Amino acid sequence: MVGRVVMPTRPITIQDVALLAQTSPSTVSNLLNGRVGRMRSETRARIERAMNELDYRPSQVARQLRTGQAPILGLIIPSVANPFWGAFAQSVEAAARVRGYQVFLCDAERDPEQELRYAESLWSHGVRGVIFGSSPLSLDHVLGFVERGLRVVVFDRDIGDIDPAMRSIIDSISVDNECGGRMATEHLLDLGHRRLGFLSGPLRTASRLERLEGYRCALGKAGIAPDPGLIWQETANENFGDVEGFELGRLGARELLRGPASCTALFAINDMYALGACAGVRDLGLRVPEDVSIVGFDDIPFAEISQPPLTTVRQPFREMMVPVVTLLIDRLQGANDEPGEHVTVAPELVLRASTAPPR
């Protein structure tokens, strides 16, 4: 039992924690470094109480010198211009903070060369765990760091197509993007729409291609041949349209709705494109949903407060990030040496006021 606390006048050390917790310094060290597999729960509780009562803060500099790694995770995302990634980063940081880790945020705009530069910089600063959020078609640019010991979690992409040797040491998690695309399209079909447009930036990420496949699959099941003229993607430049999502959605909606065979509904690749599409509909003197129904993907905070509130496919990323961060840190601390795994999470269709039966 932890006794009365007498605070030393010098900096608190691991020996002080061990003395108060009535255990050895090596046992305290095991807890600090995640080696708790054989530790009794009451021992762990005593150590944690002692650290709290002494307000003990481990020396991160000493820990990095000892282990070669910093208590920091890298998070590489496409663009903070999309509020989805800001909320995503916040969830990662909150989950990491509980485990005593900080997060370095890197905005790479889905550029493999920029992602590689960030990986090199993170590695040089002692970061050994990175979450990639760019949904890349290829992971070849980071496999060299994985071979050197970088632990990687890939968000929004399955890893079934990469080399089995690499697959065994990379984890991944994603919402079921194909299912989400199918749900959005089936909702519009159930309302009675038969001319459904698909609105996207460049189709060069795994998640976008999967959502398109869900759209095509739902149309096929309804006996409707997908019309290439109703699939719009921005191809004018080499980026992915993450920064310009709102304006590209606006442009795409105007172009699809001005065409010779206009559509009555649009499924947008994400909520920023969907909100832009709503503006594009208004530019043409039309109304959402009276003239055109619109469905997005992600359920960013703006989706609920837009006018009209946006029907969308929700990614439960807040619930996804706690197990992802836990998995990554456990691997870094040697508490999990199982082969890499892929986790698929079910999406949820959120019905709001941007969809209605066609006229």
Protein backbone atom coordinates (compact mmCIF):
# COMPACT_ATOMS: atom_id res chain seq x y z
CA MET A 1 0.00 0.00 0.00
CA VAL A 2 1.31 3.44 -0.92
CA GLY A 3 2.18 5.40 2.22
CA ARG A 4 2.30 9.08 3.06
CA VAL A 5 4.01 11.08 0.33
CA VAL A 6 7.09 13.09 1.30
CA MET A 7 8.07 15.13 -1.74
CA PRO A 8 11.86 15.25 -2.32
CA THR A 9 13.44 18.68 -2.81
CA ARG A 10 15.34 17.38 -5.86
CA PRO A 11 13.83 16.20 -9.19
CA ILE A 12 11.67 13.07 -8.87
CA THR A 13 13.39 9.91 -10.10
CA ILE A 14 12.34 6.40 -10.99
CA GLN A 15 13.87 5.27 -7.68
CA ASP A 16 11.46 7.56 -5.78
CA VAL A 17 8.51 6.02 -7.62
CA ALA A 18 9.77 2.49 -6.86
CA LEU A 19 10.24 3.31 -3.16
CA LEU A 20 6.73 4.74 -2.81
CA ALA A 21 5.16 1.89 -4.80
CA GLN A 22 7.10 -0.70 -2.80
CA THR A 23 8.59 -2.31 -5.87
CA SER A 24 11.90 -2.30 -7.77
CA PRO A 25 13.11 0.41 -10.20
CA SER A 26 13.29 -2.23 -12.93
CA THR A 27 9.58 -2.98 -12.50
CA VAL A 28 8.76 0.73 -12.81
CA SER A 29 10.93 0.84 -15.93
CA ASN A 30 9.02 -2.09 -17.40
CA LEU A 31 5.76 -0.21 -16.99
CA LEU A 32 7.16 2.99 -18.51
CA ASN A 33 8.35 1.06 -21.55
CA GLY A 34 5.18 -0.96 -22.04
CA ARG A 35 6.58 -4.27 -20.86
CA VAL A 36 3.54 -5.20 -18.80
CA GLY A 37 2.64 -8.63 -20.15
CA ARG A 38 3.61 -10.45 -16.93
CA MET A 39 3.02 -7.59 -14.49
CA ARG A 40 0.35 -8.13 -11.85
CA SER A 41 -2.51 -5.65 -12.05
CA GLU A 42 -2.11 -4.57 -8.42
CA THR A 43 1.61 -3.85 -9.00
CA ARG A 44 0.77 -1.71 -12.01
CA ALA A 45 -1.90 0.14 -10.03
CA ARG A 46 0.58 0.88 -7.19
CA ILE A 47 3.15 2.26 -9.62
CA GLU A 48 0.60 4.44 -11.40
CA ARG A 49 -0.66 5.79 -8.07
CA ALA A 50 2.87 6.56 -6.98
CA MET A 51 3.64 8.41 -10.22
CA ASN A 52 0.48 10.46 -9.86
CA GLU A 53 1.13 11.32 -6.21
CA LEU A 54 4.74 12.28 -6.93
CA ASP A 55 3.76 14.03 -10.18
CA TYR A 56 6.51 12.02 -11.85
CA ARG A 57 7.31 12.84 -15.47
CA PRO A 58 9.78 10.49 -17.19
CA SER A 59 12.70 12.13 -18.95
CA GLN A 60 11.88 11.84 -22.63
CA VAL A 61 15.43 12.78 -23.59
CA ALA A 62 16.85 9.96 -21.46
CA ARG A 63 14.27 7.57 -22.83
CA GLN A 64 15.17 8.42 -26.41
CA LEU A 65 18.89 8.00 -25.72
CA ARG A 66 18.21 4.64 -24.10
CA THR A 67 15.75 3.20 -26.65
CA GLY A 68 16.64 5.07 -29.84
CA GLN A 69 13.04 6.19 -30.27
CA ALA A 70 11.00 9.19 -29.20
CA PRO A 71 7.51 8.95 -27.63
CA ILE A 72 6.12 10.56 -30.75
CA LEU A 73 3.94 9.27 -33.59
CA GLY A 74 4.02 10.65 -37.11
CA LEU A 75 0.73 11.36 -38.87
CA ILE A 76 0.92 12.01 -42.60
CA ILE A 77 -2.35 13.26 -44.10
CA PRO A 78 -3.41 14.60 -47.52
CA SER A 79 -4.53 18.11 -46.55
CA VAL A 80 -5.76 20.01 -43.52
CA ALA A 81 -7.85 22.08 -45.96
CA ASN A 82 -10.46 19.31 -45.68
CA PRO A 83 -12.02 19.49 -42.17
CA PHE A 84 -12.24 15.70 -42.15
CA TRP A 85 -8.47 15.46 -41.75
CA GLY A 86 -8.43 18.06 -38.99
CA ALA A 87 -10.96 16.07 -36.99
CA PHE A 88 -9.07 12.88 -37.85
CA ALA A 89 -5.79 14.34 -36.55
CA GLN A 90 -7.51 15.49 -33.36
CA SER A 91 -8.76 11.95 -32.71
CA VAL A 92 -5.28 10.49 -33.29
CA GLU A 93 -3.72 13.02 -30.92
CA ALA A 94 -6.31 12.37 -28.19
CA ALA A 95 -5.74 8.61 -28.38
CA ALA A 96 -1.94 9.04 -28.36
CA ARG A 97 -1.99 11.44 -25.42
CA VAL A 98 -3.59 8.78 -23.22
CA ARG A 99 -0.53 6.60 -23.84
CA GLY A 100 1.95 9.41 -23.19
CA TYR A 101 2.76 10.03 -26.86
CA GLN A 102 2.74 13.21 -28.90
CA VAL A 103 1.89 13.50 -32.61
CA PHE A 104 3.81 15.22 -35.39
CA LEU A 105 1.37 16.27 -38.12
CA CYS A 106 2.61 16.27 -41.72
CA ASP A 107 0.54 17.61 -44.63
CA ALA A 108 1.89 15.82 -47.73
CA GLU A 109 -0.90 16.42 -50.30
CA ARG A 110 -0.70 12.72 -51.31
CA ASP A 111 2.71 13.34 -52.93
CA PRO A 112 4.86 10.17 -52.55
CA GLU A 113 8.09 12.19 -52.68
CA GLN A 114 6.85 14.52 -49.95
CA GLU A 115 5.69 11.55 -47.87
CA LEU A 116 9.14 10.03 -48.25
CA ARG A 117 10.82 13.27 -47.13
CA TYR A 118 8.56 13.40 -44.09
CA ALA A 119 9.31 9.75 -43.29
CA GLU A 120 13.05 10.49 -43.47
CA SER A 121 12.69 13.51 -41.19
CA LEU A 122 10.54 11.66 -38.68
CA TRP A 123 12.98 8.74 -38.63
CA SER A 124 15.94 11.06 -38.02
CA HIS A 125 14.12 12.53 -35.00
CA GLY A 126 13.60 9.12 -33.41
CA VAL A 127 10.01 8.59 -34.55
CA ARG A 128 9.43 4.89 -35.17
CA GLY A 129 5.65 4.76 -35.70
CA VAL A 130 3.76 6.52 -38.51
CA ILE A 131 0.13 6.58 -39.62
CA PHE A 132 -0.32 7.19 -43.36
CA GLY A 133 -3.68 8.68 -44.29
CA SER A 134 -3.21 9.21 -48.02
CA SER A 135 -4.86 6.00 -49.28
CA PRO A 136 -2.00 5.46 -51.79
CA LEU A 137 -2.27 3.02 -54.67
CA SER A 138 1.34 2.01 -53.93
CA LEU A 139 3.38 1.82 -50.72
CA ASP A 140 6.68 1.22 -52.49
CA HIS A 141 8.07 4.59 -51.42
CA VAL A 142 7.95 3.72 -47.70
CA LEU A 143 8.85 0.03 -47.74
CA GLY A 144 12.55 0.82 -47.30
CA PHE A 145 11.79 2.45 -43.94
CA VAL A 146 9.55 -0.46 -42.95
CA GLU A 147 12.48 -2.80 -43.58
CA ARG A 148 14.64 -0.61 -41.30
CA GLY A 149 12.13 -0.87 -38.47
CA LEU A 150 9.51 1.83 -39.02
CA ARG A 151 6.11 0.62 -37.79
CA VAL A 152 3.38 1.74 -40.17
CA VAL A 153 -0.40 1.86 -40.04
CA VAL A 154 -2.12 2.68 -43.32
CA PHE A 155 -5.52 4.35 -43.11
CA ASP A 156 -8.22 3.99 -45.77
CA ARG A 157 -6.51 1.24 -47.71
CA ASP A 158 -6.28 -2.56 -47.63
CA ILE A 159 -2.76 -4.02 -47.86
CA GLY A 160 -3.68 -7.31 -49.52
CA ASP A 161 -1.89 -6.42 -52.76
CA ILE A 162 1.60 -5.76 -51.39
CA ASP A 163 4.46 -8.22 -50.88
CA PRO A 164 3.48 -10.81 -48.24
CA ALA A 165 6.74 -10.26 -46.35
CA MET A 166 5.93 -6.57 -46.00
CA ARG A 167 2.24 -7.23 -45.36
CA SER A 168 3.15 -9.18 -42.24
CA ILE A 169 4.65 -6.10 -40.56
CA ILE A 170 2.23 -3.39 -41.75
CA ASP A 171 -1.19 -2.79 -40.22
CA SER A 172 -4.07 -1.10 -41.98
CA ILE A 173 -7.59 0.04 -41.22
CA SER A 174 -10.32 1.46 -43.39
CA VAL A 175 -14.01 2.00 -43.60
CA ASP A 176 -15.62 -0.29 -46.18
CA ASN A 177 -15.49 2.26 -49.00
CA GLU A 178 -17.15 0.06 -51.59
CA CYS A 179 -20.02 -0.64 -49.20
CA GLY A 180 -20.31 3.10 -48.49
CA GLY A 181 -20.50 3.92 -52.20
CA ARG A 182 -23.12 1.23 -52.62
CA MET A 183 -25.18 2.53 -49.69
CA ALA A 184 -25.17 6.10 -51.01
CA THR A 185 -26.19 5.01 -54.51
CA GLU A 186 -28.85 2.57 -53.32
CA HIS A 187 -30.39 5.32 -51.19
CA LEU A 188 -30.78 7.52 -54.27
CA LEU A 189 -32.14 4.59 -56.30
CA ASP A 190 -34.65 3.78 -53.55
CA LEU A 191 -35.89 7.37 -53.76
CA GLY A 192 -36.61 6.82 -57.45
CA HIS A 193 -33.60 8.45 -59.11
CA ARG A 194 -32.32 6.79 -62.26
CA ARG A 195 -29.89 9.41 -63.60
CA LEU A 196 -27.17 9.47 -60.92
CA GLY A 197 -23.97 11.43 -61.34
CA PHE A 198 -20.66 10.56 -59.63
CA LEU A 199 -18.45 13.48 -58.65
CA SER A 200 -14.78 13.09 -57.73
CA GLY A 201 -11.27 14.44 -57.87
CA PRO A 202 -8.67 12.38 -59.76
CA LEU A 203 -9.41 8.68 -59.31
CA ARG A 204 -5.89 7.83 -58.19
CA THR A 205 -6.45 6.66 -54.62
CA ALA A 206 -7.63 3.30 -53.36
CA SER A 207 -10.57 4.76 -51.43
CA ARG A 208 -11.93 6.75 -54.38
CA LEU A 209 -11.74 3.77 -56.71
CA GLU A 210 -13.55 1.63 -54.15
CA ARG A 211 -16.35 4.19 -53.74
CA LEU A 212 -16.72 4.37 -57.51
CA GLU A 213 -16.93 0.58 -57.61
CA GLY A 214 -19.73 0.71 -55.02
CA TYR A 215 -21.60 3.24 -57.18
CA ARG A 216 -21.24 1.05 -60.27
CA CYS A 217 -22.21 -2.09 -58.38
CA ALA A 218 -25.43 -0.54 -57.03
CA LEU A 219 -26.42 0.68 -60.49
CA GLY A 220 -25.70 -2.75 -61.98
CA LYS A 221 -27.85 -4.49 -59.37
CA ALA A 222 -30.67 -2.10 -60.28
CA GLY A 223 -30.31 -2.98 -63.97
CA ILE A 224 -28.86 0.41 -64.89
CA ALA A 225 -25.72 0.55 -67.02
CA PRO A 226 -23.29 3.16 -65.60
CA ASP A 227 -23.08 6.10 -67.99
CA PRO A 228 -19.46 7.31 -68.40
CA GLY A 229 -20.88 10.75 -69.16
CA LEU A 230 -22.22 10.95 -65.60
CA ILE A 231 -18.88 10.15 -63.96
CA TRP A 232 -16.99 13.41 -63.47
CA GLN A 233 -13.42 13.64 -62.21
CA GLU A 234 -11.05 16.59 -62.23
CA THR A 235 -8.04 15.79 -64.42
CA ALA A 236 -6.65 19.21 -65.32
CA ASN A 237 -3.66 19.02 -62.96
CA GLU A 238 -1.54 16.46 -61.16
CA ASN A 239 -2.79 17.00 -57.62
CA PHE A 240 -5.69 15.14 -56.01
CA GLY A 241 -8.13 17.99 -55.46
CA ASP A 242 -7.98 17.83 -51.65
CA VAL A 243 -7.29 21.53 -51.25
CA GLU A 244 -9.74 22.61 -53.96
CA GLY A 245 -12.50 20.11 -53.08
CA PHE A 246 -15.25 22.68 -52.59
CA GLU A 247 -14.59 24.53 -55.84
CA LEU A 248 -14.11 21.31 -57.81
CA GLY A 249 -17.43 19.99 -56.50
CA ARG A 250 -19.05 23.21 -57.59
CA LEU A 251 -17.48 22.99 -61.05
CA GLY A 252 -18.33 19.33 -61.48
CA ALA A 253 -21.98 19.81 -60.53
CA ARG A 254 -22.36 22.66 -63.00
CA GLU A 255 -20.82 20.61 -65.80
CA LEU A 256 -22.89 17.50 -65.10
CA LEU A 257 -26.14 19.43 -64.77
CA ARG A 258 -25.58 21.41 -67.96
CA GLY A 259 -24.99 18.28 -70.02
CA PRO A 260 -27.39 17.01 -72.67
CA ALA A 261 -28.52 14.14 -70.41
CA SER A 262 -28.63 15.86 -67.03
CA CYS A 263 -28.89 13.90 -63.79
CA THR A 264 -31.36 14.26 -60.92
CA ALA A 265 -28.94 13.17 -58.18
CA LEU A 266 -25.23 13.35 -57.38
CA PHE A 267 -23.02 11.13 -55.24
CA ALA A 268 -19.87 13.07 -54.29
CA ILE A 269 -16.59 11.45 -53.31
CA ASN A 270 -16.51 13.36 -50.00
CA ASP A 271 -18.42 16.04 -48.13
CA MET A 272 -16.31 18.94 -49.38
CA TYR A 273 -17.15 17.98 -52.96
CA ALA A 274 -20.79 17.51 -51.94
CA LEU A 275 -21.01 20.95 -50.32
CA GLY A 276 -19.40 22.45 -53.42
CA ALA A 277 -21.94 20.60 -55.55
CA CYS A 278 -24.74 22.22 -53.53
CA ALA A 279 -23.27 25.61 -54.42
CA GLY A 280 -23.03 24.57 -58.08
CA VAL A 281 -26.70 23.60 -58.09
CA ARG A 282 -27.61 27.03 -56.71
CA ASP A 283 -25.41 28.70 -59.35
CA LEU A 284 -27.72 27.22 -62.00
CA GLY A 285 -30.86 28.51 -60.29
CA LEU A 286 -31.79 25.04 -59.04
CA ARG A 287 -32.53 23.78 -55.54
CA VAL A 288 -31.32 20.95 -53.32
CA PRO A 289 -33.12 18.55 -52.96
CA GLU A 290 -36.16 19.72 -54.95
CA ASP A 291 -34.30 19.66 -58.28
CA VAL A 292 -31.13 17.71 -57.46
CA SER A 293 -30.42 15.33 -54.56
CA ILE A 294 -26.87 15.17 -53.21
CA VAL A 295 -25.06 12.61 -51.03
CA GLY A 296 -21.56 13.08 -49.60
CA PHE A 297 -19.06 10.87 -47.78
CA ASP A 298 -17.27 11.37 -44.41
CA ASP A 299 -19.83 13.28 -42.25
CA ILE A 300 -17.61 16.27 -41.44
CA PRO A 301 -19.03 18.75 -38.87
CA PHE A 302 -20.16 21.13 -41.63
CA ALA A 303 -22.42 18.43 -43.11
CA GLU A 304 -24.99 18.72 -40.33
CA ILE A 305 -25.16 22.53 -40.30
CA SER A 306 -25.12 23.15 -44.05
CA GLN A 307 -28.30 24.31 -45.77
CA PRO A 308 -29.85 21.92 -46.40
CA PRO A 309 -28.17 19.51 -43.97
CA LEU A 310 -26.22 16.96 -45.99
CA THR A 311 -27.09 13.30 -46.37
CA THR A 312 -23.75 11.50 -46.17
CA VAL A 313 -21.90 8.28 -45.43
CA ARG A 314 -20.24 8.49 -42.03
CA GLN A 315 -16.74 7.23 -41.34
CA PRO A 316 -16.61 6.46 -37.60
CA PHE A 317 -12.98 7.58 -37.42
CA ARG A 318 -13.13 8.64 -33.78
CA GLU A 319 -14.00 5.08 -32.80
CA MET A 320 -11.40 3.75 -35.27
CA MET A 321 -8.45 5.77 -34.00
CA VAL A 322 -8.26 4.44 -30.44
CA PRO A 323 -7.57 0.83 -31.51
CA VAL A 324 -5.25 2.03 -34.30
CA VAL A 325 -3.09 4.12 -31.98
CA THR A 326 -3.15 1.40 -29.32
CA LEU A 327 -2.03 -1.19 -31.88
CA LEU A 328 0.79 1.02 -33.15
CA ILE A 329 2.14 1.90 -29.69
CA ASP A 330 1.90 -1.70 -28.50
CA ARG A 331 4.03 -2.72 -31.47
CA LEU A 332 6.55 0.03 -30.74
CA GLN A 333 6.81 -1.07 -27.13
CA GLY A 334 7.12 -4.76 -27.94
CA ALA A 335 3.77 -5.69 -26.41
CA ASN A 336 2.43 -7.03 -29.72
CA ASP A 337 4.50 -9.07 -32.16
CA GLU A 338 1.61 -10.66 -34.07
CA PRO A 339 1.59 -10.43 -37.90
CA GLY A 340 0.18 -7.26 -39.44
CA GLU A 341 -3.56 -7.11 -39.80
CA HIS A 342 -6.21 -5.25 -41.77
CA VAL A 343 -9.36 -4.03 -40.03
CA THR A 344 -12.43 -3.05 -42.02
CA VAL A 345 -15.08 -0.90 -40.32
CA ALA A 346 -18.68 -0.64 -41.50
CA PRO A 347 -19.85 2.80 -42.71
CA GLU A 348 -23.17 4.36 -41.74
CA LEU A 349 -25.63 6.21 -43.99
CA VAL A 350 -26.78 9.42 -42.27
CA LEU A 351 -30.06 10.66 -43.73
CA ARG A 352 -30.61 14.41 -43.76
CA ALA A 353 -32.42 16.92 -45.96
CA SER A 354 -30.26 17.01 -49.11
CA THR A 355 -32.00 14.02 -50.70
CA ALA A 356 -35.61 13.56 -51.83
CA PRO A 357 -37.54 11.75 -54.58
CA PRO A 358 -37.10 13.25 -58.06
CA ARG A 359 -39.80 15.45 -59.50
